[in-house]
Protein backbone atom coordinates (compact mmCIF):
# COMPACT_ATOMS: atom_id res chain seq x y z
CA UNK A 1 -123.22 79.10 52.17
CA UNK A 2 -121.38 77.98 55.33
CA UNK A 3 -119.09 80.25 57.29
CA UNK A 4 -115.95 78.44 56.15
CA UNK A 5 -116.50 79.24 52.48
CA UNK A 6 -117.47 82.81 53.31
CA UNK A 7 -114.31 83.42 55.33
CA UNK A 8 -111.70 81.91 53.06
CA UNK A 9 -112.59 81.12 49.53
CA UNK A 10 -113.16 83.26 46.46
CA UNK A 11 -115.72 81.80 44.00
CA UNK A 12 -113.10 80.67 41.47
CA UNK A 13 -111.61 78.24 44.01
CA UNK A 14 -114.78 76.38 44.95
CA UNK A 15 -115.61 74.26 41.96
CA UNK A 16 -112.44 72.51 40.78
CA UNK A 17 -112.72 68.73 41.00
CA UNK A 18 -109.33 67.02 41.54
CA UNK A 19 -107.85 64.30 39.41
CA UNK A 20 -108.21 60.92 41.14
CA UNK A 21 -105.23 59.55 43.06
CA UNK A 22 -103.10 56.77 41.64
CA UNK A 23 -104.85 53.53 42.57
CA UNK A 24 -105.80 50.08 41.33
CA UNK A 25 -104.16 48.95 38.10
CA UNK A 26 -102.34 52.26 37.63
CA UNK A 27 -100.76 51.98 41.08
CA UNK A 28 -99.89 48.33 40.45
CA UNK A 29 -98.11 49.33 37.26
CA UNK A 30 -96.19 52.05 39.11
CA UNK A 31 -95.09 49.61 41.83
CA UNK A 32 -94.00 47.01 39.26
CA UNK A 33 -92.05 49.69 37.37
CA UNK A 34 -89.80 50.17 40.40
CA UNK A 35 -88.51 46.60 39.88
CA UNK A 36 -88.40 46.18 43.68
CA UNK A 37 -89.17 42.76 45.10
CA UNK A 38 -92.37 42.14 47.06
CA UNK A 39 -90.35 41.71 50.24
CA UNK A 40 -88.56 45.04 49.67
CA UNK A 41 -91.84 46.90 49.17
CA UNK A 42 -93.43 45.11 52.14
CA UNK A 43 -90.56 46.07 54.44
CA UNK A 44 -90.84 49.74 53.43
CA UNK A 45 -94.56 49.96 54.27
CA UNK A 46 -94.68 47.61 57.24
CA UNK A 47 -96.75 44.89 55.58
CA UNK A 48 -96.06 41.26 54.62
CA UNK A 49 -94.72 40.20 51.22
CA UNK A 50 -97.74 37.88 50.91
CA UNK A 51 -100.03 40.93 51.19
CA UNK A 52 -98.14 42.70 48.41
CA UNK A 53 -98.30 39.59 46.24
CA UNK A 54 -102.06 39.26 46.71
CA UNK A 55 -102.62 42.95 45.99
CA UNK A 56 -100.49 42.87 42.83
CA UNK A 57 -102.57 39.92 41.67
CA UNK A 58 -105.82 41.76 42.39
CA UNK A 59 -106.77 39.21 45.05
CA UNK A 60 -106.23 41.16 48.28
CA UNK A 61 -109.41 41.17 50.39
CA UNK A 62 -108.18 43.39 53.20
CA UNK A 63 -108.32 47.18 53.56
CA UNK A 64 -107.33 48.12 50.00
CA UNK A 65 -107.57 51.94 50.42
CA UNK A 66 -105.30 51.75 53.47
CA UNK A 67 -102.75 49.57 51.68
CA UNK A 68 -102.76 51.73 48.55
CA UNK A 69 -102.31 54.88 50.63
CA UNK A 70 -99.16 53.36 52.13
CA UNK A 71 -97.93 52.35 48.70
CA UNK A 72 -98.40 55.89 47.36
CA UNK A 73 -96.37 57.21 50.31
CA UNK A 74 -93.70 54.62 49.50
CA UNK A 75 -93.55 55.84 45.90
CA UNK A 76 -93.13 59.44 47.07
CA UNK A 77 -90.25 58.40 49.32
CA UNK A 78 -88.70 56.41 46.51
CA UNK A 79 -88.90 59.38 44.14
CA UNK A 80 -87.07 61.61 46.64
CA UNK A 81 -84.41 58.97 47.18
CA UNK A 82 -83.97 58.52 43.45
CA UNK A 83 -83.54 62.25 42.87
CA UNK A 84 -81.05 62.75 45.70
CA UNK A 85 -79.24 59.42 45.74
CA UNK A 86 -79.75 59.28 49.52
CA UNK A 87 -82.00 56.71 51.18
CA UNK A 88 -84.33 57.98 53.91
CA UNK A 89 -83.36 56.70 57.35
CA UNK A 90 -84.56 57.19 60.91
CA UNK A 91 -82.99 60.33 62.41
CA UNK A 92 -83.54 62.60 65.41
CA UNK A 93 -85.63 64.87 63.16
CA UNK A 94 -87.87 62.07 61.86
CA UNK A 95 -88.32 60.70 65.39
CA UNK A 96 -89.16 64.11 66.82
CA UNK A 97 -91.60 64.96 64.03
CA UNK A 98 -93.29 61.56 64.28
CA UNK A 99 -93.76 62.04 68.03
CA UNK A 100 -95.21 65.54 67.56
CA UNK A 101 -97.58 64.48 64.77
CA UNK A 102 -98.77 61.53 66.84
CA UNK A 103 -99.41 63.83 69.80
CA UNK A 104 -101.33 66.40 67.74
CA UNK A 105 -103.29 63.66 65.98
CA UNK A 106 -104.40 62.44 69.41
CA UNK A 107 -105.14 65.87 70.92
CA UNK A 108 -106.97 67.29 67.89
CA UNK A 109 -105.00 70.54 68.13
CA UNK A 110 -103.80 72.93 65.46
CA UNK A 111 -100.00 72.83 65.57
CA UNK A 112 -97.06 74.64 64.00
CA UNK A 113 -93.60 73.12 63.46
CA UNK A 114 -90.79 75.49 62.55
CA UNK A 115 -87.36 74.44 61.24
CA UNK A 116 -84.85 75.80 58.71
CA UNK A 117 -85.16 74.68 55.09
CA UNK A 118 -83.24 71.49 54.39
CA UNK A 119 -83.51 69.92 57.84
CA UNK A 120 -85.49 66.93 56.57
CA UNK A 121 -89.06 68.01 57.36
CA UNK A 122 -90.51 66.78 54.07
CA UNK A 123 -88.80 63.39 54.33
CA UNK A 124 -90.07 63.03 57.88
CA UNK A 125 -93.61 63.82 56.71
CA UNK A 126 -93.36 61.17 53.98
CA UNK A 127 -92.08 58.66 56.49
CA UNK A 128 -94.91 59.46 58.92
CA UNK A 129 -97.54 59.10 56.18
CA UNK A 130 -96.69 55.40 55.88
CA UNK A 131 -97.58 54.85 59.54
CA UNK A 132 -100.68 57.07 59.32
CA UNK A 133 -102.01 56.54 55.78
CA UNK A 134 -105.21 58.47 56.58
CA UNK A 135 -103.21 61.67 57.05
CA UNK A 136 -103.84 64.24 54.31
CA UNK A 137 -100.65 65.92 53.10
CA UNK A 138 -100.84 69.27 51.35
CA UNK A 139 -97.54 70.31 49.78
CA UNK A 140 -97.23 73.92 48.71
CA UNK A 141 -95.69 74.11 45.23
CA UNK A 142 -95.54 76.92 42.68
CA UNK A 143 -98.20 75.12 40.62
CA UNK A 144 -100.15 73.65 43.55
CA UNK A 145 -100.87 76.27 46.17
CA UNK A 146 -103.47 78.22 48.11
CA UNK A 147 -107.11 77.29 48.56
CA UNK A 148 -107.31 75.57 45.18
CA UNK A 149 -104.45 73.14 45.78
CA UNK A 150 -105.57 72.45 49.33
CA UNK A 151 -109.12 71.83 48.16
CA UNK A 152 -107.93 69.35 45.54
CA UNK A 153 -105.94 67.36 48.09
CA UNK A 154 -108.76 67.32 50.64
CA UNK A 155 -111.39 66.39 48.06
CA UNK A 156 -109.21 63.56 46.76
CA UNK A 157 -108.71 62.27 50.32
CA UNK A 158 -112.48 62.44 50.97
CA UNK A 159 -113.20 60.51 47.78
CA UNK A 160 -115.04 63.41 46.15
CA UNK A 161 -114.92 62.96 42.38
CA UNK A 162 -117.82 65.20 41.40
CA UNK A 163 -119.57 68.21 42.85
CA UNK A 164 -122.89 67.44 44.53
CA UNK A 165 -125.90 69.28 43.19
CA UNK A 166 -126.60 72.46 45.12
CA UNK A 167 -123.27 72.35 47.00
CA UNK A 168 -119.88 73.89 46.41
CA UNK A 169 -116.85 71.62 46.43
CA UNK A 170 -115.75 73.05 49.76
CA UNK A 171 -119.16 72.47 51.35
CA UNK A 172 -118.86 68.81 50.33
CA UNK A 173 -115.31 68.64 51.71
CA UNK A 174 -116.37 70.08 55.06
CA UNK A 175 -119.37 67.77 55.29
CA UNK A 176 -117.35 64.63 54.57
CA UNK A 177 -114.36 65.63 56.71
CA UNK A 178 -116.23 66.71 59.86
CA UNK A 179 -115.73 64.15 62.61
CA UNK A 180 -113.22 62.10 60.62
CA UNK A 181 -110.29 63.22 62.82
CA UNK A 182 -107.98 62.90 59.81
CA UNK A 183 -104.74 64.79 60.31
CA UNK A 184 -104.12 67.56 57.77
CA UNK A 185 -100.41 68.26 57.28
CA UNK A 186 -99.29 71.37 55.39
CA UNK A 187 -95.69 71.39 54.16
CA UNK A 188 -93.84 74.62 53.25
CA UNK A 189 -96.73 76.67 54.60
CA UNK A 190 -94.51 79.76 54.83
CA UNK A 191 -95.02 80.04 51.05
CA UNK A 192 -98.76 80.66 51.45
CA UNK A 193 -100.45 84.04 51.54
CA UNK A 194 -103.01 85.17 54.14
CA UNK A 195 -106.01 83.52 52.42
CA UNK A 196 -104.28 80.16 52.16
CA UNK A 197 -103.25 80.21 55.81
CA UNK A 198 -106.74 81.27 56.87
CA UNK A 199 -108.20 78.45 54.78
CA UNK A 200 -106.08 75.90 56.68
CA UNK A 201 -107.09 77.36 60.06
CA UNK A 202 -110.78 77.55 59.13
CA UNK A 203 -110.77 73.93 57.95
CA UNK A 204 -109.53 72.90 61.40
CA UNK A 205 -112.19 75.02 63.12
CA UNK A 206 -115.09 73.85 60.93
CA UNK A 207 -114.30 70.10 60.93
CA UNK A 208 -112.51 69.54 64.22
CA UNK A 209 -109.78 67.75 62.32
CA UNK A 210 -106.26 68.16 63.75
CA UNK A 211 -103.82 70.08 61.60
CA UNK A 212 -100.09 70.80 61.49
CA UNK A 213 -98.36 73.57 59.55
CA UNK A 214 -94.70 73.03 58.69
CA UNK A 215 -92.55 75.95 57.66
CA UNK A 216 -89.55 78.17 58.24
CA UNK A 217 -89.35 81.11 60.66
CA UNK A 218 -91.25 83.32 58.20
CA UNK A 219 -94.38 81.22 58.84
CA UNK A 220 -94.35 82.37 62.48
CA UNK A 221 -94.25 86.00 61.37
CA UNK A 222 -97.16 85.50 58.96
CA UNK A 223 -99.29 83.83 61.62
CA UNK A 224 -98.69 86.59 64.18
CA UNK A 225 -99.75 89.27 61.72
CA UNK A 226 -103.35 88.24 62.36
CA UNK A 227 -104.58 87.37 65.85
CA UNK A 228 -107.41 85.29 64.32
CA UNK A 229 -104.80 82.81 63.16
CA UNK A 230 -102.17 82.97 65.90
CA UNK A 231 -104.59 82.52 68.78
CA UNK A 232 -105.92 79.27 67.31
CA UNK A 233 -102.53 77.57 67.40
CA UNK A 234 -102.59 75.10 70.26
CA UNK A 235 -99.08 73.65 69.91
CA UNK A 236 -95.88 75.31 68.70
CA UNK A 237 -92.54 73.57 68.15
CA UNK A 238 -89.19 74.83 66.90
CA UNK A 239 -86.88 72.04 65.74
CA UNK A 240 -83.11 72.20 65.90
CA UNK A 241 -80.50 69.65 64.89
CA UNK A 242 -78.79 68.44 68.06
CA UNK A 243 -76.58 65.63 66.73
CA UNK A 244 -76.11 65.70 62.94
CA UNK A 245 -73.24 63.18 62.79
CA UNK A 246 -75.28 59.96 62.23
CA UNK A 247 -77.06 61.45 59.22
CA UNK A 248 -73.88 63.07 57.88
CA UNK A 249 -72.15 59.67 58.03
CA UNK A 250 -75.08 58.19 56.13
CA UNK A 251 -75.00 60.92 53.46
CA UNK A 252 -71.26 60.51 52.89
CA UNK A 253 -71.62 56.72 52.70
CA UNK A 254 -74.42 57.07 50.14
CA UNK A 255 -72.96 59.79 47.90
CA UNK A 256 -69.23 59.24 48.43
CA UNK A 257 -68.82 55.50 49.02
CA UNK A 258 -65.31 55.63 47.54
CA UNK A 259 -64.05 58.38 49.88
CA UNK A 260 -62.03 55.71 51.72
CA UNK A 261 -59.12 57.45 53.50
CA UNK A 262 -60.85 60.83 53.16
CA UNK A 263 -64.07 59.65 54.76
CA UNK A 264 -63.53 61.17 58.21
CA UNK A 265 -62.23 64.45 56.78
CA UNK A 266 -65.22 64.66 54.44
CA UNK A 267 -67.64 64.04 57.32
CA UNK A 268 -65.91 66.83 59.27
CA UNK A 269 -66.32 69.22 56.33
CA UNK A 270 -69.99 68.23 56.04
CA UNK A 271 -70.37 68.94 59.75
CA UNK A 272 -69.03 72.44 59.20
CA UNK A 273 -71.56 72.98 56.39
CA UNK A 274 -74.54 71.87 58.47
CA UNK A 275 -73.30 73.88 61.47
CA UNK A 276 -73.17 77.09 59.45
CA UNK A 277 -76.31 76.53 57.37
CA UNK A 278 -78.44 74.55 59.83
CA UNK A 279 -79.56 72.37 56.93
CA UNK A 280 -78.76 68.91 55.61
CA UNK A 281 -79.97 70.12 52.22
CA UNK A 282 -76.90 72.34 51.97
CA UNK A 283 -74.66 69.33 52.66
CA UNK A 284 -76.44 67.30 49.99
CA UNK A 285 -76.02 70.09 47.43
CA UNK A 286 -72.29 70.39 48.17
CA UNK A 287 -71.74 66.62 47.98
CA UNK A 288 -73.66 66.46 44.69
CA UNK A 289 -71.55 69.31 43.30
CA UNK A 290 -68.34 67.52 44.31
CA UNK A 291 -69.61 64.30 42.74
CA UNK A 292 -70.27 66.02 39.40
CA UNK A 293 -66.93 67.84 39.57
CA UNK A 294 -65.03 64.58 40.15
CA UNK A 295 -66.81 62.98 37.21
CA UNK A 296 -65.86 65.84 34.88
CA UNK A 297 -62.25 66.22 36.00
CA UNK A 298 -61.54 62.56 36.85
CA UNK A 299 -60.36 63.82 40.26
CA UNK A 300 -59.62 61.01 42.72
CA UNK A 301 -60.00 63.18 45.81
CA UNK A 302 -63.36 64.09 47.36
CA UNK A 303 -62.06 66.78 49.69
CA UNK A 304 -60.69 69.05 46.98
CA UNK A 305 -63.88 69.38 44.89
CA UNK A 306 -66.01 69.55 48.06
CA UNK A 307 -64.06 72.53 49.40
CA UNK A 308 -63.89 74.10 45.94
CA UNK A 309 -67.69 74.11 45.89
CA UNK A 310 -67.57 76.96 48.42
CA UNK A 311 -66.57 79.25 45.56
CA UNK A 312 -69.47 78.12 43.36
CA UNK A 313 -72.32 77.90 45.83
CA UNK A 314 -73.90 80.66 47.91
CA UNK A 315 -71.69 80.39 50.99
CA UNK A 316 -70.75 83.43 53.09
CA UNK A 317 -68.31 81.60 55.38
CA UNK A 318 -65.09 79.60 55.01
CA UNK A 319 -63.97 76.19 56.22
CA UNK A 320 -61.84 76.15 59.35
CA UNK A 321 -58.20 76.47 58.32
CA UNK A 322 -59.03 77.26 54.69
CA UNK A 323 -59.15 80.58 52.88
CA UNK A 324 -62.13 80.89 50.55
CA UNK A 325 -62.81 83.70 48.11
CA UNK A 326 -66.05 85.33 47.01
């Protein structure tokens, strides 16, 4: 058994074969189900509408895996936009993250990017994956975590659909990934335990593939608890929102298009939320709450239900010039 498996993986995590990724006819059906035009899809993934048309007709002779990887990333972005009601746009966070990922991809380093929850890290990762469709994205979820979830994502990316005779799944993953230089991106890595973090670090060491861990401040603390992990980090970045106004304007325009005369006041209130919380996610939650409240009460104002949300959500501060109760 190789050193990677010995260091990181208990036996129960070595043999699970992942379900195949959405591709071919299934992916075509998913793209058609969005009802988006070929030109709309093409614009999102940086391809031509003629390419999309050929692929939908099963006649595309170019790099099909590359194209389908971009289309899967497009579907992930679309799902997020559908759930939130806010389209993903280029922001200072997406630009900064794209620049960092490009740099680490080129240097082959193991990097860590720290930012508060709700600053747009996951959207930025989705956006980057369209420009680098070979990047492997591992998202930590309650039902998809640790060595098992990471192994499934890496095996799927390496095209491993069955375990080779005499080899563990992870031995096959390491063999096929070594020298590929594919960027492994881990999102919400602060949710992982020691074994999961060590697995990510060992994968980088064994294959030479660059890797980036995204997380909150607690990820830093977990990494520094073990010198074996912390000393391998070659690049560390802490992201902060410098100018939130362009994105706040976009969020208000998307979720409160009828704010009209209250638009500027609503943007100012949103600015106070992001200043106190450090997260656009908190702004989105408060706007969504106000939207539901207006629908229930038939309230014409946006400001009133938005400020009232302070009493319903977990907020330990008050708006400037307004008394809030908890």
